[in-house]
Protein backbone atom coordinates (compact mmCIF):
# COMPACT_ATOMS: atom_id res chain seq x y z
CA MET A 1 23.35 -13.68 38.92
CA ILE A 2 23.39 -10.36 37.75
CA GLY A 3 22.82 -10.54 33.32
CA ARG A 4 25.98 -9.42 31.97
CA PRO A 5 24.43 -5.65 30.91
CA THR A 6 23.52 -5.30 34.93
CA ALA A 7 27.00 -5.98 35.43
CA LEU A 8 29.17 -3.36 33.00
CA VAL A 9 27.39 -0.91 34.57
CA ILE A 10 27.61 -2.18 37.92
CA ALA A 11 31.27 -1.63 37.12
CA VAL A 12 31.70 1.25 35.37
CA ALA A 13 29.58 3.02 37.76
CA ALA A 14 32.34 1.44 40.42
CA ALA A 15 35.15 3.03 38.15
CA CYS A 16 32.85 6.49 38.43
CA VAL A 17 33.60 6.83 42.07
CA VAL A 18 37.51 7.31 41.81
CA VAL A 19 36.63 9.90 38.72
CA SER A 20 34.70 13.45 39.21
CA SER A 21 31.17 13.70 37.36
CA SER A 22 32.61 15.32 34.28
CA GLU A 23 35.01 12.81 33.71
CA ALA A 24 32.61 9.97 33.83
CA SER A 25 30.11 11.05 31.96
CA GLN A 26 33.21 12.07 28.63
CA PHE A 27 31.68 12.04 25.28
CA ARG A 28 32.55 14.23 21.32
CA THR A 29 30.37 14.27 18.72
CA PHE A 30 31.58 14.27 15.80
CA GLY A 31 28.30 13.96 13.08
CA GLY A 32 25.34 11.78 13.97
CA TYR A 33 27.81 10.40 16.86
CA GLU A 34 28.14 10.42 19.85
CA VAL A 35 31.55 8.97 21.92
CA HIS A 36 31.73 8.19 25.26
CA TYR A 37 34.99 7.17 26.65
CA ASN A 38 37.12 6.43 30.00
CA ALA A 39 40.02 5.53 31.71
CA PHE A 40 40.56 4.31 35.01
CA ARG A 41 42.14 1.21 36.89
CA ALA A 42 41.58 -2.17 36.41
CA ASP A 43 40.37 -3.49 39.65
CA PHE A 44 37.70 -1.00 40.09
CA VAL A 45 36.13 -3.32 38.29
CA PRO A 46 33.94 -6.27 40.92
CA GLN A 47 36.18 -9.13 39.95
CA GLU A 48 32.70 -10.95 38.59
CA VAL A 49 32.24 -8.57 35.29
CA ALA A 50 36.36 -8.67 34.91
CA ILE A 51 36.18 -12.77 35.01
CA ARG A 52 32.81 -12.37 32.23
CA ASN A 53 35.15 -10.11 30.39
CA GLY A 54 38.19 -11.11 30.21
CA ILE A 55 39.82 -8.02 31.66
CA THR A 56 42.73 -8.64 34.26
CA ARG A 57 42.32 -6.52 37.25
CA SER A 58 45.25 -4.76 39.35
CA ALA A 59 46.42 -2.32 40.22
CA SER A 60 49.38 -2.21 37.99
CA ARG A 61 47.15 -1.82 34.54
CA GLY A 62 44.45 0.47 33.03
CA LEU A 63 40.86 0.02 31.44
CA VAL A 64 39.72 1.72 28.75
CA ILE A 65 35.71 2.21 27.41
CA ILE A 66 34.56 3.38 24.50
CA ALA A 67 31.10 3.53 23.03
CA VAL A 68 29.54 5.36 20.45
CA ARG A 69 26.35 6.29 19.98
CA ASP A 70 23.99 6.55 16.33
CA MET A 71 22.55 10.25 17.67
CA ARG A 72 20.53 10.50 13.70
CA GLY A 73 17.23 8.74 14.96
CA GLY A 74 16.69 11.59 18.19
CA GLY A 75 16.22 10.42 21.44
CA LEU A 76 19.41 8.03 23.04
CA GLY A 77 20.58 6.90 20.31
CA GLN A 78 21.68 3.25 19.74
CA PRO A 79 24.67 1.45 19.33
CA VAL A 80 26.75 1.24 17.36
CA GLU A 81 29.92 -1.65 16.80
CA ALA A 82 33.01 0.36 15.60
CA GLU A 83 36.15 0.02 14.08
CA ILE A 84 38.87 1.31 16.69
CA THR A 85 42.64 1.38 17.52
CA LEU A 86 43.79 3.20 20.23
CA THR A 87 46.65 4.16 21.84
CA ALA A 88 48.16 5.14 25.12
CA GLU A 89 51.63 7.03 25.64
CA ASN A 90 52.19 8.47 29.54
CA LEU A 91 54.39 12.26 29.81
CA ALA A 92 57.72 9.76 29.37
CA GLY A 93 56.92 9.60 26.14
CA GLN A 94 56.46 5.66 26.49
CA SER A 95 53.06 4.60 23.92
CA GLN A 96 51.59 1.70 23.94
CA ALA A 97 48.66 0.20 21.40
CA VAL A 98 45.80 -0.66 23.46
CA ARG A 99 43.35 -3.73 21.69
CA MET A 100 40.24 -2.86 21.82
CA LYS A 101 37.66 -5.59 22.01
CA ALA A 102 33.85 -5.48 22.20
CA ALA A 103 31.20 -6.28 24.93
CA ARG A 104 28.12 -6.65 23.19
CA GLU A 105 24.85 -6.50 25.31
CA ALA A 106 21.24 -5.72 24.84
CA ASN A 107 21.16 -1.91 24.45
CA ALA A 108 24.44 -1.35 24.42
CA ILE A 109 28.27 -1.91 22.31
CA HIS A 110 30.79 -1.56 24.29
CA TYR A 111 34.83 -2.19 23.85
CA LEU A 112 37.34 -2.51 26.63
CA GLY A 113 40.79 -1.88 26.19
CA GLU A 114 43.07 -3.33 29.03
CA PHE A 115 47.07 -0.65 29.55
CA ARG A 116 49.83 -1.77 31.36
CA LEU A 117 50.26 1.51 34.05
CA ALA A 118 53.76 2.25 36.57
CA GLY A 119 53.23 4.88 39.87
CA SER A 120 51.79 7.61 38.87
CA ASP A 121 51.23 9.77 35.67
CA THR A 122 49.08 11.14 33.01
CA TRP A 123 47.88 9.35 29.68
CA ARG A 124 47.29 10.89 26.67
CA PHE A 125 45.30 8.85 24.43
CA GLU A 126 44.32 8.92 21.32
CA ALA A 127 41.86 6.79 19.86
CA GLU A 128 40.65 6.75 15.20
CA VAL A 129 36.72 5.49 15.86
CA ARG A 130 34.74 4.98 11.87
CA PRO A 131 30.56 4.54 13.83
CA GLY A 132 29.33 1.40 12.09
CA ASP A 133 29.62 1.19 7.77
CA ASP A 134 31.01 5.07 7.63
CA GLU A 135 33.86 6.30 5.48
CA ARG A 136 35.03 8.40 7.55
CA SER A 137 37.62 8.05 10.96
CA TYR A 138 36.78 10.80 14.06
CA ARG A 139 40.51 10.66 15.70
CA LEU A 140 39.18 11.27 20.18
CA ARG A 141 41.79 12.83 22.22
CA TRP A 142 42.03 13.23 25.78
CA ALA A 143 44.56 13.24 29.07
CA GLN A 144 43.65 11.36 32.28
CA PRO A 145 45.38 11.12 35.18
CA LEU A 146 45.80 7.56 36.66
CA VAL A 147 47.28 5.76 39.97
CA ALA A 148 49.23 2.51 39.30
CA GLU A 149 49.88 1.78 43.21
CA GLY A 150 46.98 2.79 46.18
CA ARG A 151 44.29 5.22 46.26
């Protein structure tokens, strides 16, 4: 049986197969924090990982993963808990609030959120991220094409 940390890494690796390498390693730096993020179709997550993390595997569902690392100590940084609010919007202006939930692992904290997909569209994501007990929040915006049916 695959352990939880390994399983989520496999899920992210599987999702990276369908995006370019530049998208697979997306992150932004805010102060002393790195915020890593990605979005992909939820059916790319292995079934075992989906069950363990309460993810609905479907070609009509999108999944967002966000992780925050405190880089002030140097090296690879330390995982940080965060408050994250996220909105996903397609090009037609249809907006969805995405509920983010924490998936804690030995050396990481990933925040996962699901949203509905329909057809082929470019999605605009906007997140407010407040790391740890930081008084400030940081706005993260990105756009990413996603296809609901077919590959």
